[in-house]
Amino acid sequence: MTPPRKPTPDSSPPGIIEADAVYVAAEFYRRMRWHRHSQRQARRLGLPVIRFGSRDYIIGRKALEWLEKLAEGAVDT
């Protein structure tokens, strides 16, 4: 029987989004546990994504603000 794997020190559990962090979009989506459909829908609904070079970035604070608006119904679905 093999022992369970230890988490790597730099990996945060899914669902943790810090306001003072900038995420590569793929990392943000992984933490939110969003699949492709959810990613596209969030972008259509105005999730602020910054495109720089060939990568997309998401600012934690802006994403949290967007999620709060979504929860309040301020974002048209």
Protein backbone atom coordinates (compact mmCIF):
# COMPACT_ATOMS: atom_id res chain seq x y z
CA MET A 1 0.00 0.00 0.00
CA THR A 2 1.39 3.40 -1.00
CA PRO A 3 1.16 6.34 1.41
CA PRO A 4 -1.12 9.24 0.43
CA ARG A 5 0.48 12.06 -1.51
CA LYS A 6 1.37 15.19 0.37
CA PRO A 7 0.07 18.44 -1.14
CA THR A 8 2.72 20.68 -2.63
CA PRO A 9 3.43 23.74 -0.48
CA ASP A 10 2.45 26.27 -3.15
CA SER A 11 -0.89 24.67 -4.03
CA SER A 12 -3.97 26.21 -2.47
CA PRO A 13 -7.14 24.22 -2.13
CA PRO A 14 -9.80 24.73 -4.79
CA GLY A 15 -12.22 27.52 -3.99
CA ILE A 16 -9.65 29.86 -2.39
CA ILE A 17 -9.43 33.15 -4.29
CA GLU A 18 -7.38 35.89 -2.67
CA ALA A 19 -8.25 39.52 -3.35
CA ASP A 20 -4.63 40.65 -3.54
CA ALA A 21 -3.54 37.99 -6.05
CA VAL A 22 -3.35 37.86 -9.84
CA TYR A 23 -4.15 34.47 -11.36
CA VAL A 24 -3.46 32.93 -14.72
CA ALA A 25 -6.99 32.22 -15.96
CA ALA A 26 -6.44 28.45 -15.98
CA GLU A 27 -5.44 28.53 -12.30
CA PHE A 28 -8.46 30.68 -11.40
CA TYR A 29 -10.81 28.29 -13.20
CA ARG A 30 -9.19 25.30 -11.51
CA ARG A 31 -9.67 26.86 -8.09
CA MET A 32 -13.31 27.65 -8.90
CA ARG A 33 -13.75 24.12 -10.31
CA TRP A 34 -15.25 25.57 -13.47
CA HIS A 35 -15.33 23.54 -16.68
CA ARG A 36 -15.28 25.07 -20.16
CA HIS A 37 -19.00 25.90 -20.26
CA SER A 38 -18.82 27.79 -16.95
CA GLN A 39 -15.70 29.64 -18.10
CA ARG A 40 -17.37 30.82 -21.31
CA GLN A 41 -20.56 31.77 -19.50
CA ALA A 42 -18.63 33.80 -16.90
CA ARG A 43 -16.78 35.68 -19.64
CA ARG A 44 -20.04 36.38 -21.46
CA LEU A 45 -21.50 37.73 -18.22
CA GLY A 46 -18.59 40.14 -17.80
CA LEU A 47 -15.93 38.40 -15.70
CA PRO A 48 -12.98 40.83 -16.04
CA VAL A 49 -10.15 39.04 -17.85
CA ILE A 50 -6.90 40.75 -18.82
CA ARG A 51 -5.22 39.52 -22.00
CA PHE A 52 -1.46 40.09 -22.08
CA GLY A 53 0.64 38.36 -24.68
CA SER A 54 -0.74 34.87 -25.12
CA ARG A 55 -2.09 34.52 -21.57
CA ASP A 56 -5.25 35.55 -19.78
CA TYR A 57 -5.07 36.88 -16.23
CA ILE A 58 -7.73 37.47 -13.60
CA ILE A 59 -7.30 39.83 -10.66
CA GLY A 60 -8.67 38.25 -7.51
CA ARG A 61 -10.30 41.44 -6.20
CA LYS A 62 -12.09 42.13 -9.50
CA ALA A 63 -13.30 38.53 -9.74
CA LEU A 64 -14.64 38.61 -6.18
CA GLU A 65 -16.44 41.90 -6.90
CA TRP A 66 -17.94 40.34 -10.03
CA LEU A 67 -19.09 37.28 -8.06
CA GLU A 68 -20.75 39.53 -5.46
CA LYS A 69 -22.63 41.39 -8.21
CA LEU A 70 -23.65 38.04 -9.69
CA ALA A 71 -24.96 36.91 -6.30
CA GLU A 72 -26.94 40.15 -5.89
CA GLY A 73 -28.48 39.75 -9.32
CA ALA A 74 -26.78 42.87 -10.67
CA VAL A 75 -25.27 40.88 -13.57
CA ASP A 76 -27.73 40.12 -16.37
CA THR A 77 -27.82 36.37 -16.87
